[in-house]
Amino acid sequence: MLPPAIPIFPLPNVVLFPNVFLPLHIFEPRYREMVADALAGDRIIGVVLLRPGWEPEYDGRPPVYAVGCAGVVTNAERLPDGRYNIVLQGLEKFRIVDEDASKPYRIAHVEGLPESGGMVDRDAMREARRRLEDILVPRSSGGGAEPTLPPSMADEDLVNALAQYLELEAVEKQALLERDGLLDRCRSLVDLLEMKVIVSRHKWSGEASH
């Protein structure tokens, strides 16, 4: 369960997902202070995505998406000049209720958003995962053994890791984070990837015809 107030780290192109690891290099003075305070406390930092058009206000408090993901600092290295290399492990989604301006870095009052669907429809999840694997690792028509995504990897870990690490637009990742539960996220990821495959094929066929 998340504390009622957490520091938030706004980023322009990164979305953190539950149980996925995120390495970060911290160099701005205000966020160095944030990391130092987190390490002295519960080690929790929330990652939020900056809304488009953030650049002019970056040194202040530009708008962010209301839904983010809190992570715990699992590794931290303080460099001689005061910068940090840290690794966050995603814990839980949250929604920002309001912000506290008492520190140089941003602190948000949040409400936790536990993933719904504790009793996931196993058959539906198995089918969604199969569709996901078919897109990422197409099976040959010859029926030979093909490499697949790790079968031992839990559905949650697989879907969230792909959502975080695949080359998707930041706003697409944000939409995936905001999906209500693992099955919805997996289905949305499948739909998104299928659309990208169709667009890619159309673009390729158009170029080939010239």
Protein backbone atom coordinates (compact mmCIF):
# COMPACT_ATOMS: atom_id res chain seq x y z
CA MET A 1 0.00 0.00 0.00
CA LEU A 2 1.39 3.38 -1.00
CA PRO A 3 1.90 6.23 1.47
CA PRO A 4 -0.50 9.16 0.98
CA ALA A 5 2.26 11.45 -0.33
CA ILE A 6 5.20 10.47 -2.54
CA PRO A 7 7.88 12.32 -4.51
CA ILE A 8 7.19 12.25 -8.24
CA PHE A 9 9.76 12.26 -11.03
CA PRO A 10 8.28 13.64 -14.28
CA LEU A 11 9.85 12.30 -17.47
CA PRO A 12 9.19 13.18 -21.13
CA ASN A 13 9.33 9.72 -22.68
CA VAL A 14 9.38 7.02 -19.98
CA VAL A 15 6.47 5.14 -18.40
CA LEU A 16 7.05 2.74 -15.49
CA PHE A 17 4.93 -0.40 -15.07
CA PRO A 18 4.35 -2.55 -11.98
CA ASN A 19 7.13 -5.03 -11.23
CA VAL A 20 9.34 -3.82 -14.11
CA PHE A 21 12.83 -2.40 -13.52
CA LEU A 22 13.85 1.07 -14.70
CA PRO A 23 17.44 2.37 -14.55
CA LEU A 24 17.70 6.14 -14.17
CA HIS A 25 20.50 8.70 -14.12
CA ILE A 26 19.69 11.59 -11.75
CA PHE A 27 21.62 14.80 -12.35
CA GLU A 28 19.37 17.81 -11.64
CA PRO A 29 19.95 19.25 -8.13
CA ARG A 30 16.26 19.11 -7.17
CA TYR A 31 16.03 15.44 -8.11
CA ARG A 32 19.33 14.62 -6.42
CA GLU A 33 17.68 15.94 -3.26
CA MET A 34 14.61 13.82 -4.04
CA VAL A 35 16.71 10.65 -4.29
CA ALA A 36 18.67 11.47 -1.11
CA ASP A 37 15.40 11.98 0.79
CA ALA A 38 13.90 8.79 -0.65
CA LEU A 39 16.97 6.76 0.32
CA ALA A 40 16.74 8.14 3.85
CA GLY A 41 13.05 7.13 4.00
CA ASP A 42 10.90 4.47 2.35
CA ARG A 43 12.82 4.55 -0.99
CA ILE A 44 9.58 5.14 -2.94
CA ILE A 45 9.49 7.44 -5.99
CA GLY A 46 6.61 7.90 -8.40
CA VAL A 47 7.27 8.12 -12.15
CA VAL A 48 4.86 10.24 -14.19
CA LEU A 49 4.79 11.20 -17.86
CA LEU A 50 4.99 14.86 -18.85
CA ARG A 51 2.15 16.06 -21.04
CA PRO A 52 3.01 17.35 -24.55
CA GLY A 53 4.21 20.96 -24.59
CA TRP A 54 6.11 20.62 -21.30
CA GLU A 55 9.35 22.17 -22.58
CA PRO A 56 8.78 25.89 -21.74
CA GLU A 57 7.78 25.04 -18.17
CA TYR A 58 10.29 22.29 -17.47
CA ASP A 59 12.17 24.18 -14.75
CA GLY A 60 8.89 24.73 -12.92
CA ARG A 61 5.98 22.31 -12.60
CA PRO A 62 4.74 21.46 -16.09
CA PRO A 63 1.53 19.44 -16.43
CA VAL A 64 1.81 15.66 -16.08
CA TYR A 65 -0.60 12.81 -16.65
CA ALA A 66 -2.57 12.07 -13.50
CA VAL A 67 -1.86 8.33 -13.50
CA GLY A 68 1.67 7.14 -12.81
CA CYS A 69 3.46 4.20 -11.24
CA ALA A 70 5.35 4.21 -7.97
CA GLY A 71 8.63 2.34 -7.71
CA VAL A 72 11.03 1.38 -4.97
CA VAL A 73 14.74 2.14 -5.30
CA THR A 74 16.39 -1.30 -5.38
CA ASN A 75 19.89 -0.06 -6.23
CA ALA A 76 21.54 3.33 -5.82
CA GLU A 77 25.01 4.62 -6.60
CA ARG A 78 26.00 8.14 -5.60
CA LEU A 79 28.68 9.52 -7.90
CA PRO A 80 31.49 11.80 -6.62
CA ASP A 81 29.86 14.91 -8.14
CA GLY A 82 26.53 14.22 -6.41
CA ARG A 83 24.69 12.62 -9.31
CA TYR A 84 22.98 9.25 -8.83
CA ASN A 85 22.51 6.09 -10.80
CA ILE A 86 19.47 4.28 -9.46
CA VAL A 87 17.22 1.38 -10.37
CA LEU A 88 13.50 1.54 -9.65
CA GLN A 89 11.24 -1.49 -9.49
CA GLY A 90 7.61 -0.70 -10.25
CA LEU A 91 5.25 -1.26 -7.33
CA GLU A 92 1.75 0.09 -7.91
CA LYS A 93 -0.17 2.52 -10.07
CA PHE A 94 -1.46 5.71 -8.52
CA ARG A 95 -3.55 8.76 -9.34
CA ILE A 96 -2.40 12.26 -8.36
CA VAL A 97 -4.96 14.04 -6.20
CA ASP A 98 -2.96 17.26 -5.71
CA GLU A 99 0.61 18.46 -5.21
CA ASP A 100 2.64 19.75 -2.29
CA ALA A 101 5.05 22.61 -3.08
CA SER A 102 7.05 22.39 0.15
CA LYS A 103 10.17 20.94 -1.51
CA PRO A 104 12.25 21.92 -4.56
CA TYR A 105 11.17 18.64 -6.17
CA ARG A 106 7.57 17.64 -6.72
CA ILE A 107 5.55 15.81 -4.08
CA ALA A 108 2.10 14.47 -4.88
CA HIS A 109 -0.77 13.38 -2.70
CA VAL A 110 -1.87 10.16 -4.33
CA GLU A 111 -4.42 7.40 -4.20
CA GLY A 112 -3.24 3.90 -5.03
CA LEU A 113 -4.75 2.13 -8.04
CA PRO A 114 -4.34 -1.60 -7.46
CA GLU A 115 -4.77 -3.58 -10.66
CA SER A 116 -8.30 -4.94 -10.85
CA GLY A 117 -9.20 -8.46 -11.86
CA GLY A 118 -7.41 -10.49 -9.24
CA MET A 119 -9.40 -13.42 -10.60
CA VAL A 120 -8.28 -13.09 -14.22
CA ASP A 121 -10.12 -15.29 -16.72
CA ARG A 122 -7.29 -17.75 -17.31
CA ASP A 123 -8.61 -18.91 -20.69
CA ALA A 124 -8.99 -15.32 -21.93
CA MET A 125 -5.53 -14.46 -20.62
CA ARG A 126 -4.01 -17.52 -22.29
CA GLU A 127 -5.58 -16.56 -25.61
CA ALA A 128 -4.43 -12.94 -25.31
CA ARG A 129 -0.89 -14.07 -24.50
CA ARG A 130 -0.91 -16.46 -27.47
CA ARG A 131 -1.94 -13.61 -29.79
CA LEU A 132 0.81 -11.45 -28.33
CA GLU A 133 3.43 -14.16 -28.87
CA ASP A 134 2.23 -14.76 -32.44
CA ILE A 135 2.86 -11.09 -33.28
CA LEU A 136 6.28 -10.93 -31.67
CA VAL A 137 7.51 -14.42 -32.62
CA PRO A 138 5.63 -15.55 -35.78
CA ARG A 139 5.40 -19.31 -36.12
CA SER A 140 6.62 -20.94 -39.31
CA SER A 141 4.17 -22.78 -41.53
CA GLY A 142 6.48 -25.80 -41.45
CA GLY A 143 5.53 -26.53 -37.87
CA GLY A 144 9.12 -26.68 -36.69
CA ALA A 145 10.16 -25.58 -33.25
CA GLU A 146 10.30 -21.82 -33.03
CA PRO A 147 11.78 -19.65 -30.27
CA THR A 148 9.05 -18.17 -28.10
CA LEU A 149 8.80 -15.70 -25.29
CA PRO A 150 9.81 -17.36 -22.00
CA PRO A 151 6.92 -19.70 -21.09
CA SER A 152 7.98 -19.62 -17.45
CA MET A 153 7.57 -15.83 -17.31
CA ALA A 154 4.41 -14.85 -15.45
CA ASP A 155 1.73 -13.15 -17.55
CA GLU A 156 1.96 -9.94 -15.51
CA ASP A 157 5.73 -9.73 -15.82
CA LEU A 158 5.67 -10.45 -19.55
CA VAL A 159 2.91 -8.01 -20.49
CA ASN A 160 4.20 -5.18 -18.30
CA ALA A 161 7.81 -5.62 -19.45
CA LEU A 162 6.77 -5.55 -23.12
CA ALA A 163 4.57 -2.50 -22.51
CA GLN A 164 7.52 -0.69 -20.94
CA TYR A 165 10.37 -1.77 -23.21
CA LEU A 166 8.89 -2.11 -26.71
CA GLU A 167 9.49 0.85 -29.02
CA LEU A 168 6.11 2.52 -28.60
CA GLU A 169 5.20 6.18 -28.35
CA ALA A 170 5.19 7.47 -24.79
CA VAL A 171 1.49 8.34 -24.99
CA GLU A 172 0.77 4.77 -26.17
CA LYS A 173 2.60 3.41 -23.13
CA GLN A 174 0.66 5.80 -20.92
CA ALA A 175 -2.61 4.48 -22.36
CA LEU A 176 -1.47 0.92 -21.64
CA LEU A 177 -0.57 1.84 -18.05
CA GLU A 178 -4.03 3.30 -17.56
CA ARG A 179 -5.80 0.13 -18.69
CA ASP A 180 -7.78 -1.47 -15.88
CA GLY A 181 -6.04 -4.73 -15.20
CA LEU A 182 -3.68 -7.16 -16.89
CA LEU A 183 -6.10 -8.71 -19.37
CA ASP A 184 -7.23 -5.33 -20.70
CA ARG A 185 -3.59 -4.21 -20.96
CA CYS A 186 -2.59 -7.34 -22.85
CA ARG A 187 -5.51 -7.05 -25.27
CA SER A 188 -4.76 -3.36 -25.85
CA LEU A 189 -1.10 -4.16 -26.47
CA VAL A 190 -2.09 -6.82 -29.01
CA ASP A 191 -4.44 -4.41 -30.79
CA LEU A 192 -1.75 -1.72 -30.85
CA LEU A 193 0.93 -4.05 -32.24
CA GLU A 194 -1.44 -5.50 -34.85
CA MET A 195 -2.25 -1.98 -36.01
CA LYS A 196 1.44 -1.15 -36.28
CA VAL A 197 2.07 -4.31 -38.34
CA ILE A 198 -0.75 -3.36 -40.73
CA VAL A 199 0.53 0.21 -41.08
CA SER A 200 4.09 -1.05 -41.64
CA ARG A 201 2.99 -3.49 -44.35
CA HIS A 202 0.92 -0.83 -46.07
CA LYS A 203 3.84 1.61 -46.02
CA TRP A 204 6.23 -1.04 -47.31
CA SER A 205 3.91 -2.11 -50.14
CA GLY A 206 3.39 1.54 -51.08
CA GLU A 207 7.13 2.14 -51.27
CA ALA A 208 7.69 -1.06 -53.22
CA SER A 209 5.18 -0.02 -55.87
CA HIS A 210 7.09 3.15 -56.76
